[in-house]
Amino acid sequence: MPEGPHDTANIRAASGGSSGSYIATRWAVRRLTPLECERLQGFPDGYTDVPFRKRNWTPDGPRYKALGNSMAVNAMEWLGQRIDHVRALL
């Protein structure tokens, strides 16, 4: 990949000098932010941003892990309603 200044916006894979820069194109797929993941799963904004290892904030990695290990609020709500509906029928 080309390095250096370009006419288009650059995206860096990581901070530091070891990673290359990637040129953003209109076909590129970007990673969702933890905030976007929280919203998609029905959690309030900042739900996974809690104090972490003597910091007042949480890095993205543990936030993605917490969101990946959780279940979407709206899906669990629907499932609970279906269980109640079946119990009422029985």
PDB file of N, CA and C in Angstrom:
ATOM      1  N   MET A   1       0.840  -1.185   0.000  1.00  0.00           N
ATOM      2  CA  MET A   1       0.000   0.000   0.000  1.00  0.00           C
ATOM      3  C   MET A   1       0.887   1.252   0.000  1.00  0.00           C
ATOM      4  N   PRO A   2       0.447   2.260  -0.665  1.00  0.00           N
ATOM      5  CA  PRO A   2       1.245   3.486  -0.690  1.00  0.00           C
ATOM      6  C   PRO A   2       1.237   4.176   0.672  1.00  0.00           C
ATOM      7  N   GLU A   3       2.322   4.796   0.987  1.00  0.00           N
ATOM      8  CA  GLU A   3       2.451   5.571   2.227  1.00  0.00           C
ATOM      9  C   GLU A   3       2.522   7.051   1.896  1.00  0.00           C
ATOM     10  N   GLY A   4       2.258   7.869   2.899  1.00  0.00           N
ATOM     11  CA  GLY A   4       2.452   9.292   2.723  1.00  0.00           C
ATOM     12  C   GLY A   4       1.189  10.035   2.386  1.00  0.00           C
ATOM     13  N   PRO A   5       1.321  11.326   2.075  1.00  0.00           N
ATOM     14  CA  PRO A   5       0.137  12.152   1.801  1.00  0.00           C
ATOM     15  C   PRO A   5      -0.531  11.750   0.485  1.00  0.00           C
ATOM     16  N   HIS A   6      -1.844  11.744   0.496  1.00  0.00           N
ATOM     17  CA  HIS A   6      -2.630  11.406  -0.685  1.00  0.00           C
ATOM     18  C   HIS A   6      -3.749  12.426  -0.825  1.00  0.00           C
ATOM     19  N   ASP A   7      -4.394  12.405  -1.971  1.00  0.00           N
ATOM     20  CA  ASP A   7      -5.529  13.302  -2.181  1.00  0.00           C
ATOM     21  C   ASP A   7      -6.775  12.831  -1.450  1.00  0.00           C
ATOM     22  N   THR A   8      -6.813  11.554  -1.049  1.00  0.00           N
ATOM     23  CA  THR A   8      -7.960  11.015  -0.332  1.00  0.00           C
ATOM     24  C   THR A   8      -7.605  10.842   1.140  1.00  0.00           C
ATOM     25  N   ALA A   9      -8.613  10.596   1.948  1.00  0.00           N
ATOM     26  CA  ALA A   9      -8.388  10.410   3.381  1.00  0.00           C
ATOM     27  C   ALA A   9      -7.679   9.086   3.636  1.00  0.00           C
ATOM     28  N   ASN A  10      -6.799   9.064   4.614  1.00  0.00           N
ATOM     29  CA  ASN A  10      -6.078   7.848   5.006  1.00  0.00           C
ATOM     30  C   ASN A  10      -6.667   7.291   6.288  1.00  0.00           C
ATOM     31  N   ILE A  11      -6.610   5.979   6.396  1.00  0.00           N
ATOM     32  CA  ILE A  11      -7.019   5.302   7.614  1.00  0.00           C
ATOM     33  C   ILE A  11      -5.824   4.503   8.088  1.00  0.00           C
ATOM     34  N   ARG A  12      -5.463   4.648   9.341  1.00  0.00           N
ATOM     35  CA  ARG A  12      -4.356   3.872   9.878  1.00  0.00           C
ATOM     36  C   ARG A  12      -4.909   2.651  10.596  1.00  0.00           C
ATOM     37  N   ALA A  13      -4.263   1.508  10.388  1.00  0.00           N
ATOM     38  CA  ALA A  13      -4.711   0.271  11.021  1.00  0.00           C
ATOM     39  C   ALA A  13      -4.463   0.305  12.518  1.00  0.00           C
ATOM     40  N   ALA A  14      -3.420   0.992  12.949  1.00  0.00           N
ATOM     41  CA  ALA A  14      -3.108   1.093  14.377  1.00  0.00           C
ATOM     42  C   ALA A  14      -2.217   2.306  14.576  1.00  0.00           C
ATOM     43  N   SER A  15      -2.144   2.769  15.806  1.00  0.00           N
ATOM     44  CA  SER A  15      -1.247   3.891  16.076  1.00  0.00           C
ATOM     45  C   SER A  15       0.186   3.376  16.089  1.00  0.00           C
ATOM     46  N   GLY A  16       1.131   4.232  15.836  1.00  0.00           N
ATOM     47  CA  GLY A  16       2.521   3.824  15.800  1.00  0.00           C
ATOM     48  C   GLY A  16       3.027   3.763  14.371  1.00  0.00           C
ATOM     49  N   GLY A  17       4.320   3.568  14.217  1.00  0.00           N
ATOM     50  CA  GLY A  17       4.917   3.610  12.897  1.00  0.00           C
ATOM     51  C   GLY A  17       4.941   2.290  12.160  1.00  0.00           C
ATOM     52  N   SER A  18       4.563   1.179  12.825  1.00  0.00           N
ATOM     53  CA  SER A  18       4.700  -0.117  12.187  1.00  0.00           C
ATOM     54  C   SER A  18       3.560  -0.463  11.230  1.00  0.00           C
ATOM     55  N   SER A  19       2.434   0.192  11.356  1.00  0.00           N
ATOM     56  CA  SER A  19       1.309  -0.157  10.497  1.00  0.00           C
ATOM     57  C   SER A  19       1.280   0.723   9.259  1.00  0.00           C
ATOM     58  N   GLY A  20       0.753   0.194   8.185  1.00  0.00           N
ATOM     59  CA  GLY A  20       0.631   0.962   6.950  1.00  0.00           C
ATOM     60  C   GLY A  20      -0.626   1.800   6.975  1.00  0.00           C
ATOM     61  N   SER A  21      -0.715   2.753   6.081  1.00  0.00           N
ATOM     62  CA  SER A  21      -1.940   3.532   5.974  1.00  0.00           C
ATOM     63  C   SER A  21      -2.772   2.945   4.847  1.00  0.00           C
ATOM     64  N   TYR A  22      -4.058   2.996   4.980  1.00  0.00           N
ATOM     65  CA  TYR A  22      -4.966   2.447   3.995  1.00  0.00           C
ATOM     66  C   TYR A  22      -5.834   3.563   3.456  1.00  0.00           C
ATOM     67  N   ILE A  23      -6.020   3.574   2.167  1.00  0.00           N
ATOM     68  CA  ILE A  23      -6.808   4.625   1.535  1.00  0.00           C
ATOM     69  C   ILE A  23      -8.284   4.252   1.617  1.00  0.00           C
ATOM     70  N   ALA A  24      -9.083   5.185   2.085  1.00  0.00           N
ATOM     71  CA  ALA A  24     -10.516   4.953   2.183  1.00  0.00           C
ATOM     72  C   ALA A  24     -11.150   5.098   0.802  1.00  0.00           C
ATOM     73  N   THR A  25     -11.923   4.115   0.409  1.00  0.00           N
ATOM     74  CA  THR A  25     -12.662   4.188  -0.842  1.00  0.00           C
ATOM     75  C   THR A  25     -14.141   4.072  -0.521  1.00  0.00           C
ATOM     76  N   ARG A  26     -14.968   4.320  -1.488  1.00  0.00           N
ATOM     77  CA  ARG A  26     -16.393   4.258  -1.203  1.00  0.00           C
ATOM     78  C   ARG A  26     -16.880   2.822  -1.055  1.00  0.00           C
ATOM     79  N   TRP A  27     -16.049   1.824  -1.382  1.00  0.00           N
ATOM     80  CA  TRP A  27     -16.430   0.426  -1.224  1.00  0.00           C
ATOM     81  C   TRP A  27     -15.851  -0.178   0.049  1.00  0.00           C
ATOM     82  N   ALA A  28     -15.079   0.579   0.787  1.00  0.00           N
ATOM     83  CA  ALA A  28     -14.436   0.041   1.988  1.00  0.00           C
ATOM     84  C   ALA A  28     -15.467  -0.232   3.072  1.00  0.00           C
ATOM     85  N   VAL A  29     -15.230  -1.272   3.817  1.00  0.00           N
ATOM     86  CA  VAL A  29     -16.080  -1.610   4.954  1.00  0.00           C
ATOM     87  C   VAL A  29     -15.338  -1.199   6.208  1.00  0.00           C
ATOM     88  N   ARG A  30     -15.983  -0.431   7.052  1.00  0.00           N
ATOM     89  CA  ARG A  30     -15.331  -0.015   8.287  1.00  0.00           C
ATOM     90  C   ARG A  30     -15.923  -0.776   9.456  1.00  0.00           C
ATOM     91  N   ARG A  31     -15.153  -0.855  10.511  1.00  0.00           N
ATOM     92  CA  ARG A  31     -15.592  -1.532  11.722  1.00  0.00           C
ATOM     93  C   ARG A  31     -16.572  -0.639  12.468  1.00  0.00           C
ATOM     94  N   LEU A  32     -17.605  -1.237  13.055  1.00  0.00           N
ATOM     95  CA  LEU A  32     -18.538  -0.468  13.871  1.00  0.00           C
ATOM     96  C   LEU A  32     -17.850  -0.025  15.153  1.00  0.00           C
ATOM     97  N   THR A  33     -18.195   1.140  15.636  1.00  0.00           N
ATOM     98  CA  THR A  33     -17.648   1.617  16.903  1.00  0.00           C
ATOM     99  C   THR A  33     -18.395   0.935  18.049  1.00  0.00           C
ATOM    100  N   PRO A  34     -17.807   0.894  19.254  1.00  0.00           N
ATOM    101  CA  PRO A  34     -18.524   0.318  20.392  1.00  0.00           C
ATOM    102  C   PRO A  34     -19.868   1.017  20.633  1.00  0.00           C
ATOM    103  N   LEU A  35     -19.925   2.321  20.435  1.00  0.00           N
ATOM    104  CA  LEU A  35     -21.184   3.059  20.612  1.00  0.00           C
ATOM    105  C   LEU A  35     -22.244   2.564  19.627  1.00  0.00           C
ATOM    106  N   GLU A  36     -21.854   2.365  18.372  1.00  0.00           N
ATOM    107  CA  GLU A  36     -22.800   1.855  17.376  1.00  0.00           C
ATOM    108  C   GLU A  36     -23.264   0.448  17.726  1.00  0.00           C
ATOM    109  N   CYS A  37     -22.355  -0.390  18.226  1.00  0.00           N
ATOM    110  CA  CYS A  37     -22.724  -1.747  18.638  1.00  0.00           C
ATOM    111  C   CYS A  37     -23.705  -1.710  19.807  1.00  0.00           C
ATOM    112  N   GLU A  38     -23.462  -0.809  20.765  1.00  0.00           N
ATOM    113  CA  GLU A  38     -24.385  -0.671  21.900  1.00  0.00           C
ATOM    114  C   GLU A  38     -25.773  -0.285  21.418  1.00  0.00           C
ATOM    115  N   ARG A  39     -25.846   0.655  20.504  1.00  0.00           N
ATOM    116  CA  ARG A  39     -27.138   1.104  19.994  1.00  0.00           C
ATOM    117  C   ARG A  39     -27.849  -0.003  19.222  1.00  0.00           C
ATOM    118  N   LEU A  40     -27.110  -0.765  18.408  1.00  0.00           N
ATOM    119  CA  LEU A  40     -27.713  -1.855  17.642  1.00  0.00           C
ATOM    120  C   LEU A  40     -28.269  -2.941  18.554  1.00  0.00           C
ATOM    121  N   GLN A  41     -27.624  -3.153  19.692  1.00  0.00           N
ATOM    122  CA  GLN A  41     -28.077  -4.195  20.598  1.00  0.00           C
ATOM    123  C   GLN A  41     -29.093  -3.689  21.620  1.00  0.00           C
ATOM    124  N   GLY A  42     -29.429  -2.415  21.562  1.00  0.00           N
ATOM    125  CA  GLY A  42     -30.467  -1.884  22.439  1.00  0.00           C
ATOM    126  C   GLY A  42     -29.979  -1.395  23.786  1.00  0.00           C
ATOM    127  N   PHE A  43     -28.683  -1.272  23.970  1.00  0.00           N
ATOM    128  CA  PHE A  43     -28.137  -0.759  25.227  1.00  0.00           C
ATOM    129  C   PHE A  43     -28.071   0.762  25.187  1.00  0.00           C
ATOM    130  N   PRO A  44     -28.087   1.405  26.348  1.00  0.00           N
ATOM    131  CA  PRO A  44     -27.911   2.867  26.363  1.00  0.00           C
ATOM    132  C   PRO A  44     -26.495   3.245  25.914  1.00  0.00           C
ATOM    133  N   ASP A  45     -26.332   4.458  25.425  1.00  0.00           N
ATOM    134  CA  ASP A  45     -25.007   4.947  25.017  1.00  0.00           C
ATOM    135  C   ASP A  45     -24.031   4.867  26.188  1.00  0.00           C
ATOM    136  N   GLY A  46     -22.842   4.349  25.932  1.00  0.00           N
ATOM    137  CA  GLY A  46     -21.818   4.265  26.960  1.00  0.00           C
ATOM    138  C   GLY A  46     -22.022   3.137  27.957  1.00  0.00           C
ATOM    139  N   TYR A  47     -22.889   2.192  27.670  1.00  0.00           N
ATOM    140  CA  TYR A  47     -23.215   1.111  28.606  1.00  0.00           C
ATOM    141  C   TYR A  47     -21.986   0.282  28.975  1.00  0.00           C
ATOM    142  N   THR A  48     -21.076   0.065  28.031  1.00  0.00           N
ATOM    143  CA  THR A  48     -19.880  -0.730  28.305  1.00  0.00           C
ATOM    144  C   THR A  48     -18.670   0.127  28.658  1.00  0.00           C
ATOM    145  N   ASP A  49     -18.832   1.426  28.711  1.00  0.00           N
ATOM    146  CA  ASP A  49     -17.726   2.336  29.045  1.00  0.00           C
ATOM    147  C   ASP A  49     -17.721   2.567  30.550  1.00  0.00           C
ATOM    148  N   VAL A  50     -17.090   1.645  31.267  1.00  0.00           N
ATOM    149  CA  VAL A  50     -17.047   1.672  32.733  1.00  0.00           C
ATOM    150  C   VAL A  50     -15.598   1.804  33.182  1.00  0.00           C
ATOM    151  N   PRO A  51     -15.345   2.153  34.439  1.00  0.00           N
ATOM    152  CA  PRO A  51     -13.950   2.206  34.898  1.00  0.00           C
ATOM    153  C   PRO A  51     -13.266   0.854  34.682  1.00  0.00           C
ATOM    154  N   PHE A  52     -12.036   0.895  34.166  1.00  0.00           N
ATOM    155  CA  PHE A  52     -11.318  -0.315  33.772  1.00  0.00           C
ATOM    156  C   PHE A  52      -9.849  -0.179  34.130  1.00  0.00           C
ATOM    157  N   ARG A  53      -9.366  -1.039  35.011  1.00  0.00           N
ATOM    158  CA  ARG A  53      -7.950  -1.085  35.399  1.00  0.00           C
ATOM    159  C   ARG A  53      -7.362   0.292  35.722  1.00  0.00           C
ATOM    160  N   LYS A  54      -7.901   0.904  36.722  1.00  0.00           N
ATOM    161  CA  LYS A  54      -7.437   2.209  37.233  1.00  0.00           C
ATOM    162  C   LYS A  54      -7.637   3.365  36.254  1.00  0.00           C
ATOM    163  N   ARG A  55      -8.464   3.172  35.244  1.00  0.00           N
ATOM    164  CA  ARG A  55      -8.814   4.248  34.314  1.00  0.00           C
ATOM    165  C   ARG A  55     -10.286   4.570  34.500  1.00  0.00           C
ATOM    166  N   ASN A  56     -10.678   5.755  34.116  1.00  0.00           N
ATOM    167  CA  ASN A  56     -12.087   6.138  34.195  1.00  0.00           C
ATOM    168  C   ASN A  56     -12.848   5.773  32.929  1.00  0.00           C
ATOM    169  N   TRP A  57     -12.204   5.077  32.000  1.00  0.00           N
ATOM    170  CA  TRP A  57     -12.828   4.705  30.738  1.00  0.00           C
ATOM    171  C   TRP A  57     -12.342   3.311  30.352  1.00  0.00           C
ATOM    172  N   THR A  58     -12.987   2.713  29.374  1.00  0.00           N
ATOM    173  CA  THR A  58     -12.638   1.369  28.918  1.00  0.00           C
ATOM    174  C   THR A  58     -12.142   1.432  27.478  1.00  0.00           C
ATOM    175  N   PRO A  59     -11.008   0.785  27.177  1.00  0.00           N
ATOM    176  CA  PRO A  59     -10.557   0.719  25.782  1.00  0.00           C
ATOM    177  C   PRO A  59     -11.569  -0.044  24.915  1.00  0.00           C
ATOM    178  N   ASP A  60     -11.466   0.111  23.610  1.00  0.00           N
ATOM    179  CA  ASP A  60     -12.425  -0.507  22.702  1.00  0.00           C
ATOM    180  C   ASP A  60     -12.423  -2.036  22.757  1.00  0.00           C
ATOM    181  N   GLY A  61     -11.260  -2.659  22.893  1.00  0.00           N
ATOM    182  CA  GLY A  61     -11.168  -4.121  22.886  1.00  0.00           C
ATOM    183  C   GLY A  61     -12.072  -4.793  23.911  1.00  0.00           C
ATOM    184  N   PRO A  62     -11.956  -4.441  25.186  1.00  0.00           N
ATOM    185  CA  PRO A  62     -12.843  -5.046  26.182  1.00  0.00           C
ATOM    186  C   PRO A  62     -14.321  -4.692  25.958  1.00  0.00           C
ATOM    187  N   ARG A  63     -14.575  -3.528  25.387  1.00  0.00           N
ATOM    188  CA  ARG A  63     -15.970  -3.158  25.095  1.00  0.00           C
ATOM    189  C   ARG A  63     -16.539  -4.065  24.004  1.00  0.00           C
ATOM    190  N   TYR A  64     -15.752  -4.323  22.942  1.00  0.00           N
ATOM    191  CA  TYR A  64     -16.202  -5.243  21.893  1.00  0.00           C
ATOM    192  C   TYR A  64     -16.431  -6.640  22.479  1.00  0.00           C
ATOM    193  N   LYS A  65     -15.536  -7.069  23.367  1.00  0.00           N
ATOM    194  CA  LYS A  65     -15.674  -8.391  23.973  1.00  0.00           C
ATOM    195  C   LYS A  65     -16.951  -8.480  24.803  1.00  0.00           C
ATOM    196  N   ALA A  66     -17.226  -7.451  25.604  1.00  0.00           N
ATOM    197  CA  ALA A  66     -18.443  -7.436  26.421  1.00  0.00           C
ATOM    198  C   ALA A  66     -19.685  -7.455  25.537  1.00  0.00           C
ATOM    199  N   LEU A  67     -19.657  -6.700  24.456  1.00  0.00           N
ATOM    200  CA  LEU A  67     -20.809  -6.669  23.546  1.00  0.00           C
ATOM    201  C   LEU A  67     -20.964  -7.982  22.793  1.00  0.00           C
ATOM    202  N   GLY A  68     -19.852  -8.621  22.464  1.00  0.00           N
ATOM    203  CA  GLY A  68     -19.908  -9.905  21.780  1.00  0.00           C
ATOM    204  C   GLY A  68     -20.427 -11.017  22.670  1.00  0.00           C
ATOM    205  N   ASN A  69     -20.232 -10.885  23.976  1.00  0.00           N
ATOM    206  CA  ASN A  69     -20.700 -11.893  24.925  1.00  0.00           C
ATOM    207  C   ASN A  69     -22.100 -11.603  25.433  1.00  0.00           C
ATOM    208  N   SER A  70     -22.735 -10.559  24.936  1.00  0.00           N
ATOM    209  CA  SER A  70     -24.070 -10.186  25.418  1.00  0.00           C
ATOM    210  C   SER A  70     -25.129 -10.588  24.399  1.00  0.00           C
ATOM    211  N   MET A  71     -26.359 -10.410  24.792  1.00  0.00           N
ATOM    212  CA  MET A  71     -27.480 -10.677  23.898  1.00  0.00           C
ATOM    213  C   MET A  71     -28.241  -9.383  23.686  1.00  0.00           C
ATOM    214  N   ALA A  72     -28.729  -9.182  22.486  1.00  0.00           N
ATOM    215  CA  ALA A  72     -29.450  -7.957  22.153  1.00  0.00           C
ATOM    216  C   ALA A  72     -30.707  -7.831  23.016  1.00  0.00           C
ATOM    217  N   VAL A  73     -30.906  -6.652  23.571  1.00  0.00           N
ATOM    218  CA  VAL A  73     -32.035  -6.401  24.455  1.00  0.00           C
ATOM    219  C   VAL A  73     -33.360  -6.669  23.753  1.00  0.00           C
ATOM    220  N   ASN A  74     -33.521  -6.178  22.534  1.00  0.00           N
ATOM    221  CA  ASN A  74     -34.793  -6.354  21.834  1.00  0.00           C
ATOM    222  C   ASN A  74     -35.067  -7.820  21.507  1.00  0.00           C
ATOM    223  N   ALA A  75     -34.034  -8.593  21.191  1.00  0.00           N
ATOM    224  CA  ALA A  75     -34.233 -10.016  20.905  1.00  0.00           C
ATOM    225  C   ALA A  75     -34.626 -10.773  22.170  1.00  0.00           C
ATOM    226  N   MET A  76     -33.982 -10.452  23.289  1.00  0.00           N
ATOM    227  CA  MET A  76     -34.313 -11.127  24.544  1.00  0.00           C
ATOM    228  C   MET A  76     -35.704 -10.726  25.033  1.00  0.00           C
ATOM    229  N   GLU A  77     -36.080  -9.493  24.802  1.00  0.00           N
ATOM    230  CA  GLU A  77     -37.422  -9.033  25.164  1.00  0.00           C
ATOM    231  C   GLU A  77     -38.479  -9.801  24.365  1.00  0.00           C
ATOM    232  N   TRP A  78     -38.245  -9.956  23.065  1.00  0.00           N
ATOM    233  CA  TRP A  78     -39.175 -10.694  22.215  1.00  0.00           C
ATOM    234  C   TRP A  78     -39.273 -12.146  22.671  1.00  0.00           C
ATOM    235  N   LEU A  79     -38.127 -12.757  22.976  1.00  0.00           N
ATOM    236  CA  LEU A  79     -38.105 -14.140  23.420  1.00  0.00           C
ATOM    237  C   LEU A  79     -38.899 -14.315  24.716  1.00  0.00           C
ATOM    238  N   GLY A  80     -38.722 -13.388  25.654  1.00  0.00           N
ATOM    239  CA  GLY A  80     -39.484 -13.440  26.904  1.00  0.00           C
ATOM    240  C   GLY A  80     -40.983 -13.324  26.672  1.00  0.00           C
ATOM    241  N   GLN A  81     -41.376 -12.455  25.765  1.00  0.00           N
ATOM    242  CA  GLN A  81     -42.801 -12.299  25.441  1.00  0.00           C
ATOM    243  C   GLN A  81     -43.364 -13.569  24.822  1.00  0.00           C
ATOM    244  N   ARG A  82     -42.595 -14.227  23.965  1.00  0.00           N
ATOM    245  CA  ARG A  82     -43.057 -15.480  23.352  1.00  0.00           C
ATOM    246  C   ARG A  82     -43.203 -16.581  24.395  1.00  0.00           C
ATOM    247  N   ILE A  83     -42.268 -16.642  25.349  1.00  0.00           N
ATOM    248  CA  ILE A  83     -42.358 -17.632  26.420  1.00  0.00           C
ATOM    249  C   ILE A  83     -43.624 -17.398  27.236  1.00  0.00           C
ATOM    250  N   ASP A  84     -43.882 -16.135  27.587  1.00  0.00           N
ATOM    251  CA  ASP A  84     -45.108 -15.803  28.338  1.00  0.00           C
ATOM    252  C   ASP A  84     -46.353 -16.175  27.545  1.00  0.00           C
ATOM    253  N   HIS A  85     -46.337 -15.947  26.240  1.00  0.00           N
ATOM    254  CA  HIS A  85     -47.477 -16.258  25.385  1.00  0.00           C
ATOM    255  C   HIS A  85     -47.743 -17.779  25.375  1.00  0.00           C
ATOM    256  N   VAL A  86     -46.691 -18.573  25.248  1.00  0.00           N
ATOM    257  CA  VAL A  86     -46.833 -20.033  25.231  1.00  0.00           C
ATOM    258  C   VAL A  86     -47.313 -20.541  26.585  1.00  0.00           C
ATOM    259  N   ARG A  87     -46.786 -19.979  27.665  1.00  0.00           N
ATOM    260  CA  ARG A  87     -47.242 -20.375  29.003  1.00  0.00           C
ATOM    261  C   ARG A  87     -48.718 -20.073  29.187  1.00  0.00           C
ATOM    262  N   ALA A  88     -49.176 -18.947  28.666  1.00  0.00           N
ATOM    263  CA  ALA A  88     -50.585 -18.591  28.779  1.00  0.00           C
ATOM    264  C   ALA A  88     -51.467 -19.571  27.997  1.00  0.00           C
ATOM    265  N   LEU A  89     -50.980 -20.069  26.883  1.00  0.00           N
ATOM    266  CA  LEU A  89     -51.725 -21.048  26.090  1.00  0.00           C
ATOM    267  C   LEU A  89     -51.818 -22.406  26.783  1.00  0.00           C
ATOM    268  N   LEU A  90     -50.776 -22.762  27.498  1.00  0.00           N
ATOM    269  CA  LEU A  90     -50.752 -24.066  28.173  1.00  0.00           C
ATOM    270  C   LEU A  90     -51.526 -23.968  29.472  1.00  0.00           C
TER     271      LEU A  90
END
